Amino acid sequence: MRFMVLVPANPESEAGQMPSTEELEAMTRYNEELVKAGVMLAGEGLQPTSKGARVRFEGAERTVIDGPFTEAKELVAGFWLWQCASREEALEWLKRAPFDNGVEIELRQVFEEDDFGEEFTPELREAEARVREQAAKN
């Protein structure tokens, strides 16, 4: 099972403030544990929303909205993609993360092919496999 772990933004991350050396060391140690255990597939921090954009879709119209965005409690500052045997295992790993001060980290299971049922036809599965293969090459 794959899980996306979403780290929320805060006023400091939105201001572009970098973590302290101590925070970076703690996160590096944690990431090393995740990698050694075969859990971490990817993980990155994100630039503040002042450097981002959103695209609103309304019918055929596309509107680009430049950041920054104001609702910091709804913004993502970083993520991990994990491979775990169960939700419980993912939660155990997440509880070990080096966070403090009441921050809430979101854990969401990623859909797998079989989750889509019969609607995900053999032809669609083949097309998806081609897309994933090409993406892996990139």
Protein backbone atom coordinates (compact mmCIF):
# COMPACT_ATOMS: atom_id res chain seq x y z
CA MET A 1 0.00 0.00 0.00
CA ARG A 2 1.22 3.46 -0.82
CA PHE A 3 0.53 6.46 1.38
CA MET A 4 0.92 10.19 0.80
CA VAL A 5 1.98 12.12 3.88
CA LEU A 6 1.14 15.82 3.63
CA VAL A 7 3.03 18.34 5.76
CA PRO A 8 1.09 21.58 6.21
CA ALA A 9 2.52 25.01 5.59
CA ASN A 10 2.88 27.54 8.38
CA PRO A 11 3.67 31.26 8.46
CA GLU A 12 7.40 30.53 8.55
CA SER A 13 7.38 28.17 5.55
CA GLU A 14 5.17 30.59 3.62
CA ALA A 15 7.68 33.37 4.36
CA GLY A 16 10.41 31.21 2.83
CA GLN A 17 12.14 30.75 6.19
CA MET A 18 14.44 27.73 6.11
CA PRO A 19 14.48 25.18 8.95
CA SER A 20 17.29 25.36 11.49
CA THR A 21 20.33 23.08 11.25
CA GLU A 22 18.94 21.06 14.17
CA GLU A 23 15.58 20.61 12.44
CA LEU A 24 17.29 19.59 9.19
CA GLU A 25 19.49 17.10 11.04
CA ALA A 26 16.47 15.53 12.77
CA MET A 27 14.56 15.28 9.49
CA THR A 28 17.59 13.80 7.71
CA ARG A 29 17.94 11.11 10.41
CA TYR A 30 14.22 10.31 10.12
CA ASN A 31 14.38 10.12 6.31
CA GLU A 32 17.40 7.82 6.55
CA GLU A 33 15.38 5.48 8.82
CA LEU A 34 12.50 5.50 6.34
CA VAL A 35 14.82 4.68 3.44
CA LYS A 36 16.66 1.92 5.31
CA ALA A 37 13.30 0.34 6.19
CA GLY A 38 12.20 0.47 2.53
CA VAL A 39 9.29 2.80 3.38
CA MET A 40 10.21 6.08 1.68
CA LEU A 41 9.60 6.23 -2.08
CA ALA A 42 9.88 10.03 -2.34
CA GLY A 43 9.83 13.08 -0.15
CA GLU A 44 10.36 16.78 -0.74
CA GLY A 45 9.75 20.20 0.69
CA LEU A 46 7.86 22.73 -1.38
CA GLN A 47 8.64 26.38 -2.11
CA PRO A 48 6.20 28.90 -0.59
CA THR A 49 2.98 29.63 -2.45
CA SER A 50 4.32 33.08 -3.38
CA LYS A 51 6.29 31.18 -6.02
CA GLY A 52 3.32 29.03 -7.05
CA ALA A 53 0.12 29.29 -9.03
CA ARG A 54 -3.28 27.67 -9.26
CA VAL A 55 -5.36 27.06 -12.36
CA ARG A 56 -9.14 27.37 -12.11
CA PHE A 57 -11.12 25.23 -14.58
CA GLU A 58 -14.56 26.49 -15.61
CA GLY A 59 -15.91 24.86 -18.76
CA ALA A 60 -13.40 25.63 -21.52
CA GLU A 61 -11.95 28.59 -19.60
CA ARG A 62 -8.65 28.33 -17.70
CA THR A 63 -7.67 31.06 -15.25
CA VAL A 64 -4.20 31.26 -13.73
CA ILE A 65 -4.10 32.59 -10.17
CA ASP A 66 -0.65 33.51 -8.93
CA GLY A 67 0.33 32.96 -5.30
CA PRO A 68 0.70 33.66 -2.51
CA PHE A 69 -2.40 32.03 -1.14
CA THR A 70 -3.84 33.17 2.16
CA GLU A 71 -5.24 30.10 3.89
CA ALA A 72 -1.98 28.78 5.37
CA LYS A 73 -3.79 26.04 7.29
CA GLU A 74 -4.89 24.52 3.96
CA LEU A 75 -1.51 24.72 2.21
CA VAL A 76 1.06 21.97 1.81
CA ALA A 77 4.73 22.68 2.59
CA GLY A 78 6.08 19.20 1.89
CA PHE A 79 5.25 15.56 1.32
CA TRP A 80 6.42 11.98 1.48
CA LEU A 81 5.32 9.01 -0.56
CA TRP A 82 5.62 5.82 1.47
CA GLN A 83 5.20 2.11 0.80
CA CYS A 84 3.83 0.30 3.87
CA ALA A 85 2.12 -3.01 4.49
CA SER A 86 -0.83 -1.34 6.23
CA ARG A 87 -2.35 1.91 7.42
CA GLU A 88 -1.26 0.96 10.94
CA GLU A 89 2.38 0.64 9.85
CA ALA A 90 2.22 4.03 8.12
CA LEU A 91 0.74 5.60 11.26
CA GLU A 92 3.49 4.07 13.41
CA TRP A 93 6.12 5.62 11.13
CA LEU A 94 4.31 8.95 11.12
CA LYS A 95 4.16 9.05 14.93
CA ARG A 96 7.98 8.94 14.93
CA ALA A 97 8.33 12.02 12.71
CA PRO A 98 10.29 14.92 14.24
CA PHE A 99 7.44 17.43 14.55
CA ASP A 100 6.22 19.45 17.51
CA ASN A 101 4.01 22.41 18.48
CA GLY A 102 0.64 20.84 17.71
CA VAL A 103 1.22 20.42 13.98
CA GLU A 104 -1.16 17.94 12.32
CA ILE A 105 0.29 15.81 9.51
CA GLU A 106 -2.16 14.22 7.08
CA LEU A 107 -1.86 10.59 5.96
CA ARG A 108 -3.79 9.48 2.85
CA GLN A 109 -3.74 6.13 1.09
CA VAL A 110 -2.98 6.29 -2.64
CA PHE A 111 -5.41 4.54 -4.97
CA GLU A 112 -4.09 1.37 -6.58
CA GLU A 113 -5.34 -0.09 -9.88
CA ASP A 114 -7.57 -2.67 -8.22
CA ASP A 115 -9.39 0.03 -6.26
CA PHE A 116 -11.07 1.25 -9.47
CA GLY A 117 -12.92 -2.02 -10.13
CA GLU A 118 -14.42 -3.03 -13.46
CA GLU A 119 -14.48 0.56 -14.73
CA PHE A 120 -10.70 0.32 -15.08
CA THR A 121 -10.80 -1.86 -18.19
CA PRO A 122 -7.89 -3.98 -19.47
CA GLU A 123 -7.30 -1.33 -22.16
CA LEU A 124 -7.12 1.42 -19.56
CA ARG A 125 -4.77 -0.70 -17.43
CA GLU A 126 -2.46 -1.16 -20.43
CA ALA A 127 -2.50 2.56 -21.17
CA GLU A 128 -1.75 3.34 -17.52
CA ALA A 129 1.14 0.87 -17.54
CA ARG A 130 2.61 2.63 -20.60
CA VAL A 131 2.29 6.01 -18.89
CA ARG A 132 3.99 4.77 -15.71
CA GLU A 133 6.79 3.12 -17.70
CA GLN A 134 7.45 6.34 -19.63
CA ALA A 135 7.29 8.42 -16.44
CA ALA A 136 9.86 6.13 -14.78
CA LYS A 137 12.21 6.74 -17.71
CA ASN A 138 11.87 10.49 -17.27
